N, C-alpha and C. Protein backbone atom coordinates (compact mmCIF):
# COMPACT_ATOMS: atom_id res chain seq x y z
N UNK A 1 176.54 -88.83 -137.34
CA UNK A 1 176.63 -89.68 -136.30
C UNK A 1 177.71 -89.30 -135.28
N UNK A 2 177.19 -89.36 -133.89
CA UNK A 2 178.09 -88.59 -133.01
C UNK A 2 179.30 -89.50 -132.69
N UNK A 3 180.43 -88.78 -132.50
CA UNK A 3 181.58 -89.39 -132.18
C UNK A 3 181.65 -89.78 -130.71
N UNK A 4 182.20 -91.08 -130.46
CA UNK A 4 182.42 -91.60 -129.25
C UNK A 4 183.71 -91.26 -128.67
N UNK A 5 183.78 -90.37 -127.64
CA UNK A 5 185.04 -90.02 -127.09
C UNK A 5 185.41 -91.04 -125.95
N UNK A 6 186.67 -91.46 -126.11
CA UNK A 6 187.19 -92.49 -125.39
C UNK A 6 187.33 -92.04 -123.86
N UNK A 7 187.54 -90.70 -123.54
CA UNK A 7 187.55 -90.33 -122.13
C UNK A 7 186.31 -90.28 -121.43
N UNK A 8 185.31 -89.84 -122.28
CA UNK A 8 183.91 -89.74 -121.67
C UNK A 8 183.37 -91.16 -121.51
N UNK A 9 183.66 -92.09 -122.29
CA UNK A 9 183.26 -93.51 -122.12
C UNK A 9 183.90 -94.01 -120.88
N UNK A 10 185.11 -94.03 -120.77
CA UNK A 10 185.84 -94.40 -119.52
C UNK A 10 185.29 -93.71 -118.39
N UNK A 11 185.04 -92.48 -118.32
CA UNK A 11 184.50 -91.66 -117.06
C UNK A 11 183.00 -92.26 -116.96
N UNK A 12 182.26 -92.58 -117.86
CA UNK A 12 180.93 -93.30 -117.64
C UNK A 12 181.03 -94.70 -117.04
N UNK A 13 181.95 -95.41 -117.41
CA UNK A 13 182.10 -96.52 -116.83
C UNK A 13 182.75 -96.57 -115.29
N UNK A 14 183.49 -95.39 -115.11
CA UNK A 14 184.13 -95.40 -113.63
C UNK A 14 183.07 -94.60 -112.68
N UNK A 15 182.02 -93.93 -113.24
CA UNK A 15 181.11 -93.11 -112.27
C UNK A 15 180.68 -94.21 -111.31
N UNK A 16 180.60 -93.63 -110.06
CA UNK A 16 180.05 -94.46 -108.91
C UNK A 16 178.50 -94.23 -108.88
N UNK A 17 177.96 -95.35 -108.53
CA UNK A 17 176.52 -95.36 -108.26
C UNK A 17 176.32 -96.08 -106.89
N UNK A 18 175.23 -95.88 -106.29
CA UNK A 18 174.80 -96.54 -104.99
C UNK A 18 173.64 -97.36 -105.24
N UNK A 19 173.70 -98.65 -104.76
CA UNK A 19 172.55 -99.66 -104.92
C UNK A 19 172.12 -99.81 -103.39
N UNK A 20 170.78 -99.46 -103.22
CA UNK A 20 170.53 -99.59 -101.73
C UNK A 20 169.29 -100.52 -101.69
N UNK A 21 169.23 -101.55 -100.95
CA UNK A 21 168.17 -102.39 -100.79
C UNK A 21 167.49 -102.14 -99.32
N UNK A 22 166.16 -101.72 -99.48
CA UNK A 22 165.45 -101.23 -98.33
C UNK A 22 164.30 -102.02 -97.86
N UNK A 23 164.02 -102.05 -96.61
CA UNK A 23 162.92 -102.85 -96.20
C UNK A 23 161.62 -101.92 -96.46
N UNK A 24 160.71 -102.49 -97.11
CA UNK A 24 159.62 -101.78 -97.58
C UNK A 24 158.68 -101.21 -96.37
N UNK A 25 158.48 -101.87 -95.39
CA UNK A 25 157.63 -101.44 -94.38
C UNK A 25 158.13 -100.35 -93.40
N UNK A 26 159.57 -100.47 -93.13
CA UNK A 26 160.22 -99.65 -92.20
C UNK A 26 161.04 -98.68 -92.87
N UNK A 27 161.32 -98.74 -94.27
CA UNK A 27 162.31 -97.97 -94.96
C UNK A 27 163.66 -97.96 -94.24
N UNK A 28 163.98 -98.99 -93.78
CA UNK A 28 165.32 -99.27 -93.28
C UNK A 28 166.25 -99.76 -94.16
N UNK A 29 167.63 -99.30 -94.30
CA UNK A 29 168.41 -99.69 -95.32
C UNK A 29 168.97 -101.10 -94.92
N UNK A 30 168.80 -102.07 -95.67
CA UNK A 30 169.24 -103.43 -95.32
C UNK A 30 170.56 -103.58 -95.78
N UNK A 31 171.05 -103.34 -97.22
CA UNK A 31 172.36 -103.36 -97.75
C UNK A 31 172.49 -102.23 -98.58
N UNK A 32 173.78 -101.79 -98.48
CA UNK A 32 174.31 -100.81 -99.47
C UNK A 32 175.48 -101.25 -100.18
N UNK A 33 175.53 -100.92 -101.71
CA UNK A 33 176.51 -101.27 -102.42
C UNK A 33 176.99 -100.00 -103.16
N UNK A 34 178.26 -99.83 -103.26
CA UNK A 34 178.74 -98.72 -104.23
C UNK A 34 179.29 -99.42 -105.34
N UNK A 35 178.59 -99.10 -106.62
CA UNK A 35 179.00 -99.96 -107.84
C UNK A 35 179.35 -98.89 -108.92
N UNK A 36 179.99 -99.29 -109.87
CA UNK A 36 180.32 -98.63 -111.07
C UNK A 36 179.81 -99.53 -112.25
N UNK A 37 179.75 -99.06 -113.47
CA UNK A 37 179.35 -99.84 -114.54
C UNK A 37 180.42 -100.79 -114.93
N UNK A 38 181.61 -100.40 -114.70
CA UNK A 38 182.85 -101.29 -115.00
C UNK A 38 182.84 -102.58 -114.12
N UNK A 39 182.54 -102.27 -112.85
CA UNK A 39 182.53 -103.37 -111.81
C UNK A 39 181.40 -104.48 -112.12
N UNK A 40 180.28 -103.91 -112.72
CA UNK A 40 179.08 -104.75 -112.80
C UNK A 40 179.50 -105.53 -114.01
N UNK A 41 180.13 -104.93 -115.18
CA UNK A 41 180.60 -105.73 -116.38
C UNK A 41 181.47 -106.77 -115.95
N UNK A 42 182.43 -106.48 -115.20
CA UNK A 42 183.42 -107.37 -114.71
C UNK A 42 182.81 -108.60 -113.83
N UNK A 43 181.88 -108.14 -113.04
CA UNK A 43 181.30 -109.25 -112.17
C UNK A 43 180.47 -110.25 -113.05
N UNK A 44 179.69 -109.54 -113.87
CA UNK A 44 178.83 -110.51 -114.91
C UNK A 44 179.62 -111.33 -115.73
N UNK A 45 180.75 -110.71 -116.27
CA UNK A 45 181.64 -111.53 -117.13
C UNK A 45 182.32 -112.65 -116.57
N UNK A 46 182.78 -112.50 -115.17
CA UNK A 46 183.28 -113.48 -114.30
C UNK A 46 182.41 -114.36 -113.98
N UNK A 47 181.09 -114.18 -113.71
CA UNK A 47 180.15 -115.27 -113.59
C UNK A 47 179.92 -116.10 -114.67
N UNK A 48 179.74 -115.47 -115.71
CA UNK A 48 179.63 -115.99 -117.14
C UNK A 48 180.78 -117.10 -117.39
N UNK A 49 182.03 -116.68 -117.27
CA UNK A 49 183.11 -117.56 -117.47
C UNK A 49 183.26 -118.69 -116.46
N UNK A 50 183.03 -118.34 -115.32
CA UNK A 50 182.82 -119.44 -114.12
C UNK A 50 181.70 -120.51 -114.61
N UNK A 51 180.57 -119.96 -114.80
CA UNK A 51 179.54 -120.89 -115.28
C UNK A 51 179.76 -121.83 -116.44
N UNK A 52 180.49 -121.19 -117.47
CA UNK A 52 180.86 -121.93 -118.60
C UNK A 52 182.07 -123.10 -118.18
N UNK A 53 183.09 -122.58 -117.23
CA UNK A 53 183.98 -123.57 -116.84
C UNK A 53 183.39 -124.60 -116.23
N UNK A 54 182.30 -124.38 -115.29
CA UNK A 54 181.77 -125.37 -114.50
C UNK A 54 181.02 -126.44 -115.37
N UNK A 55 180.19 -125.92 -116.26
CA UNK A 55 179.55 -126.80 -117.30
C UNK A 55 180.43 -127.55 -118.15
N UNK A 56 181.51 -127.07 -118.62
CA UNK A 56 182.41 -127.89 -119.36
C UNK A 56 183.21 -128.93 -118.45
N UNK A 57 183.45 -128.68 -117.19
CA UNK A 57 183.96 -129.58 -116.36
C UNK A 57 183.06 -130.75 -116.08
N UNK A 58 181.76 -130.44 -115.79
CA UNK A 58 180.78 -131.50 -115.65
C UNK A 58 180.63 -132.36 -116.70
N UNK A 59 180.55 -131.82 -117.93
CA UNK A 59 180.63 -132.68 -119.13
C UNK A 59 181.74 -133.71 -119.30
N UNK A 60 182.90 -133.01 -119.10
CA UNK A 60 184.16 -133.76 -119.36
C UNK A 60 184.58 -134.74 -118.34
N UNK A 61 184.24 -134.36 -117.04
CA UNK A 61 184.80 -135.27 -116.05
C UNK A 61 183.92 -136.03 -115.39
N UNK A 62 182.52 -136.12 -115.79
CA UNK A 62 181.43 -136.93 -115.23
C UNK A 62 180.81 -137.96 -116.37
N UNK A 63 180.01 -138.76 -116.01
CA UNK A 63 179.32 -139.74 -116.97
C UNK A 63 178.27 -138.84 -117.67
N UNK A 64 178.05 -137.70 -117.55
CA UNK A 64 176.96 -136.99 -118.18
C UNK A 64 177.38 -136.95 -119.73
N UNK A 65 178.62 -137.14 -120.00
CA UNK A 65 178.96 -137.02 -121.69
C UNK A 65 178.43 -138.04 -122.41
N UNK A 66 178.14 -139.09 -121.76
CA UNK A 66 177.54 -140.46 -122.40
C UNK A 66 176.03 -140.10 -122.81
N UNK A 67 175.35 -138.98 -122.33
CA UNK A 67 174.02 -138.72 -122.72
C UNK A 67 174.02 -137.64 -123.92
N UNK A 68 175.12 -137.10 -124.20
CA UNK A 68 175.25 -136.20 -125.12
C UNK A 68 175.47 -137.08 -126.60
N UNK A 69 174.75 -136.53 -127.68
CA UNK A 69 175.02 -137.30 -128.80
C UNK A 69 176.06 -136.91 -129.49
N UNK A 70 177.17 -137.95 -129.78
CA UNK A 70 178.49 -137.57 -130.51
C UNK A 70 179.51 -137.12 -129.78
N UNK A 71 179.43 -137.12 -128.34
CA UNK A 71 180.48 -136.54 -127.58
C UNK A 71 181.26 -137.77 -126.81
N UNK A 72 180.37 -138.57 -126.14
CA UNK A 72 181.05 -139.52 -125.21
C UNK A 72 180.92 -141.03 -125.56
N UNK A 73 181.32 -141.31 -126.83
CA UNK A 73 181.10 -142.68 -127.27
C UNK A 73 182.44 -143.50 -127.04
N UNK A 74 183.51 -142.84 -126.53
CA UNK A 74 184.64 -143.53 -126.06
C UNK A 74 185.71 -143.53 -127.33
N UNK A 75 186.58 -144.44 -127.24
CA UNK A 75 187.69 -144.47 -128.22
C UNK A 75 187.19 -145.31 -129.38
N UNK A 76 188.25 -145.43 -130.37
CA UNK A 76 187.71 -146.29 -131.58
C UNK A 76 187.42 -147.71 -131.42
N UNK A 77 188.21 -148.07 -130.44
CA UNK A 77 187.94 -149.78 -129.99
C UNK A 77 186.57 -149.98 -129.40
N UNK A 78 185.97 -149.05 -128.70
CA UNK A 78 184.71 -149.26 -128.22
C UNK A 78 183.55 -148.93 -129.27
N UNK A 79 183.86 -147.96 -130.15
CA UNK A 79 182.88 -147.70 -131.25
C UNK A 79 182.96 -148.97 -132.20
N UNK A 80 184.17 -149.53 -132.58
CA UNK A 80 184.13 -150.76 -133.25
C UNK A 80 183.25 -151.89 -132.44
N UNK A 81 183.49 -151.89 -131.20
CA UNK A 81 182.73 -152.98 -130.39
C UNK A 81 181.23 -152.84 -130.60
N UNK A 82 180.77 -151.48 -130.46
CA UNK A 82 179.29 -151.17 -130.46
C UNK A 82 178.75 -151.49 -131.75
N UNK A 83 179.54 -151.22 -132.88
CA UNK A 83 178.93 -151.71 -134.25
C UNK A 83 178.94 -153.08 -134.44
N UNK A 84 179.83 -153.93 -133.89
CA UNK A 84 179.77 -155.31 -133.94
C UNK A 84 178.66 -155.81 -133.20
N UNK A 85 178.32 -155.34 -132.13
CA UNK A 85 177.28 -155.87 -131.25
C UNK A 85 176.03 -155.39 -131.79
N UNK A 86 176.00 -154.14 -132.57
CA UNK A 86 174.70 -153.87 -133.24
C UNK A 86 174.39 -154.86 -134.45
N UNK A 87 175.48 -155.23 -135.17
CA UNK A 87 175.31 -156.20 -136.31
C UNK A 87 174.85 -157.59 -135.79
N UNK A 88 175.59 -158.06 -134.71
CA UNK A 88 175.10 -159.29 -134.04
C UNK A 88 173.59 -159.28 -133.66
N UNK A 89 173.26 -158.16 -133.00
CA UNK A 89 171.91 -158.23 -132.65
C UNK A 89 170.98 -158.25 -133.70
N UNK A 90 171.33 -157.43 -134.70
CA UNK A 90 170.26 -157.40 -135.96
C UNK A 90 170.24 -158.75 -136.41
N UNK A 91 171.23 -159.54 -136.63
CA UNK A 91 171.31 -160.76 -137.25
C UNK A 91 170.57 -161.77 -136.47
N UNK A 92 170.75 -161.68 -135.11
CA UNK A 92 169.93 -162.55 -134.17
C UNK A 92 168.40 -162.21 -134.23
N UNK A 93 168.03 -161.03 -134.36
CA UNK A 93 166.65 -160.54 -134.52
C UNK A 93 166.05 -161.15 -135.81
N UNK A 94 166.85 -161.28 -136.84
CA UNK A 94 166.36 -161.76 -138.11
C UNK A 94 166.16 -163.14 -138.14
N UNK A 95 167.11 -163.87 -137.43
CA UNK A 95 167.12 -165.39 -137.32
C UNK A 95 165.77 -165.75 -136.34
N UNK A 96 165.52 -165.06 -135.38
CA UNK A 96 164.38 -165.30 -134.45
C UNK A 96 163.32 -165.20 -135.22
N UNK A 97 163.13 -163.97 -136.06
CA UNK A 97 161.94 -163.62 -136.87
C UNK A 97 161.54 -164.79 -137.79
N UNK A 98 162.75 -165.43 -138.55
CA UNK A 98 162.72 -166.49 -139.48
C UNK A 98 162.17 -167.61 -138.82
N UNK A 99 162.77 -168.09 -137.76
CA UNK A 99 162.39 -169.25 -137.07
C UNK A 99 160.90 -169.27 -136.52
N UNK A 100 160.53 -168.00 -136.12
CA UNK A 100 159.03 -167.93 -135.67
C UNK A 100 157.96 -168.00 -136.74
N UNK A 101 158.51 -167.47 -137.94
CA UNK A 101 157.56 -167.60 -139.08
C UNK A 101 157.68 -169.17 -139.59
N UNK A 102 158.72 -169.81 -139.46
CA UNK A 102 158.79 -171.21 -139.81
C UNK A 102 157.89 -172.04 -138.84
N UNK A 103 158.12 -171.72 -137.56
CA UNK A 103 157.18 -172.37 -136.52
C UNK A 103 155.50 -172.18 -136.91
N UNK A 104 155.21 -170.99 -137.16
CA UNK A 104 153.83 -170.66 -137.46
C UNK A 104 153.45 -171.25 -138.65
N UNK A 105 154.15 -171.41 -139.62
CA UNK A 105 153.74 -172.09 -140.97
C UNK A 105 153.55 -173.67 -140.64
N UNK A 106 154.52 -174.19 -139.91
CA UNK A 106 154.48 -175.56 -139.57
C UNK A 106 153.34 -175.97 -138.68
N UNK A 107 152.94 -175.04 -137.72
CA UNK A 107 151.75 -175.32 -137.10
C UNK A 107 150.27 -175.40 -137.92
N UNK A 108 150.44 -174.36 -138.89
CA UNK A 108 149.37 -174.26 -139.84
C UNK A 108 149.18 -175.49 -140.49
N UNK A 109 150.37 -176.12 -141.01
CA UNK A 109 150.38 -177.37 -141.74
C UNK A 109 149.71 -178.40 -140.94
N UNK A 110 150.37 -178.48 -139.56
CA UNK A 110 149.96 -179.69 -138.89
C UNK A 110 148.41 -179.64 -138.38
N UNK A 111 147.91 -178.37 -138.19
CA UNK A 111 146.52 -178.30 -137.90
C UNK A 111 145.55 -178.33 -138.92
N UNK A 112 146.08 -178.32 -140.38
CA UNK A 112 145.21 -178.49 -141.47
C UNK A 112 144.70 -177.17 -141.88
N UNK A 113 145.19 -176.08 -141.50
CA UNK A 113 144.81 -174.90 -142.02
C UNK A 113 145.71 -174.23 -142.88
N UNK A 114 145.88 -175.03 -144.09
CA UNK A 114 146.67 -174.53 -145.14
C UNK A 114 145.90 -173.80 -146.11
N UNK A 115 146.30 -172.60 -146.49
CA UNK A 115 145.59 -171.86 -147.39
C UNK A 115 145.72 -172.47 -148.75
N UNK A 116 144.56 -172.53 -149.48
CA UNK A 116 144.57 -173.09 -150.89
C UNK A 116 145.14 -172.12 -151.78
N UNK A 117 146.33 -172.36 -152.52
CA UNK A 117 146.71 -171.29 -153.38
C UNK A 117 146.12 -171.34 -154.64
N UNK A 118 146.10 -170.11 -155.36
CA UNK A 118 145.25 -170.05 -156.73
C UNK A 118 146.47 -170.60 -157.72
N UNK A 119 146.13 -171.74 -158.19
CA UNK A 119 146.99 -172.27 -159.22
C UNK A 119 146.59 -172.38 -160.66
N UNK A 120 145.49 -171.71 -160.98
CA UNK A 120 144.82 -171.60 -162.09
C UNK A 120 145.70 -171.08 -163.23
N UNK A 121 145.89 -171.77 -164.46
CA UNK A 121 146.61 -171.43 -165.24
C UNK A 121 146.00 -170.33 -166.30
N UNK A 122 146.79 -169.25 -166.49
CA UNK A 122 146.11 -168.16 -167.34
C UNK A 122 146.54 -168.33 -168.85
N UNK A 123 145.69 -168.34 -169.77
CA UNK A 123 145.97 -168.24 -171.12
C UNK A 123 146.17 -167.07 -171.60
N UNK A 124 147.34 -166.42 -171.76
CA UNK A 124 147.51 -165.18 -172.36
C UNK A 124 148.04 -165.33 -173.77
N UNK A 125 147.44 -164.31 -174.61
CA UNK A 125 148.03 -164.37 -175.87
C UNK A 125 149.42 -163.97 -176.13
N UNK A 126 150.16 -164.66 -177.09
CA UNK A 126 151.62 -164.07 -177.33
C UNK A 126 151.69 -162.87 -178.00
N UNK A 127 152.59 -162.19 -177.63
CA UNK A 127 152.70 -160.85 -178.42
C UNK A 127 153.21 -161.18 -179.85
N UNK A 128 152.89 -160.24 -180.73
CA UNK A 128 153.40 -160.44 -182.16
C UNK A 128 155.01 -159.62 -182.10
N UNK A 129 155.83 -160.41 -182.52
CA UNK A 129 157.21 -159.94 -182.51
C UNK A 129 157.69 -159.64 -184.11
N UNK A 130 156.69 -159.29 -184.83
CA UNK A 130 157.09 -158.92 -186.22
C UNK A 130 157.45 -157.46 -186.31
N UNK A 131 158.49 -157.38 -186.98
CA UNK A 131 158.96 -155.85 -187.27
C UNK A 131 158.15 -155.20 -188.35
N UNK A 132 157.57 -154.20 -188.05
CA UNK A 132 156.77 -153.41 -189.02
C UNK A 132 157.52 -152.31 -189.58
C-alpha cells in the first residue's frame, strides 16, 4: 500500500488550475477562473453549510414545521388539548352512529319492515357428565 506524503497532498491541493468558459461558435473566452482543489473544496463545503443553515432556519422559524411529523406539535399543553379534542370527536362520532342506527330501526318498525327472527327452540341432547 503506498504511503501518502503530507507535503505532496498539500501541494496537489494548492496546485493552480485554470477554468475557461468559451463561446463555442467564436472560441472567444467568456470567463476565466484560476482555481485550486483546496478552493473548490472550501467553496463546496461553504455552500453545503449555508444550505443546511437555510433549511434549518426555514423549518424552525416558519410554519413549515407543522407539516413535519413529530416536530411541530407545540408544547405539552397543546398536545393535551389535541388529545382531548380527539377523544371528544370520537365519542361524538360514536353517539351519532348509535343515534342513526336507532332512527333506522325505528323507521323499520314504523313502516312494518321488521325482520322475523328465528326463534325455533333447538332440542340438544345433554352431555354425559359421568366420570369414567
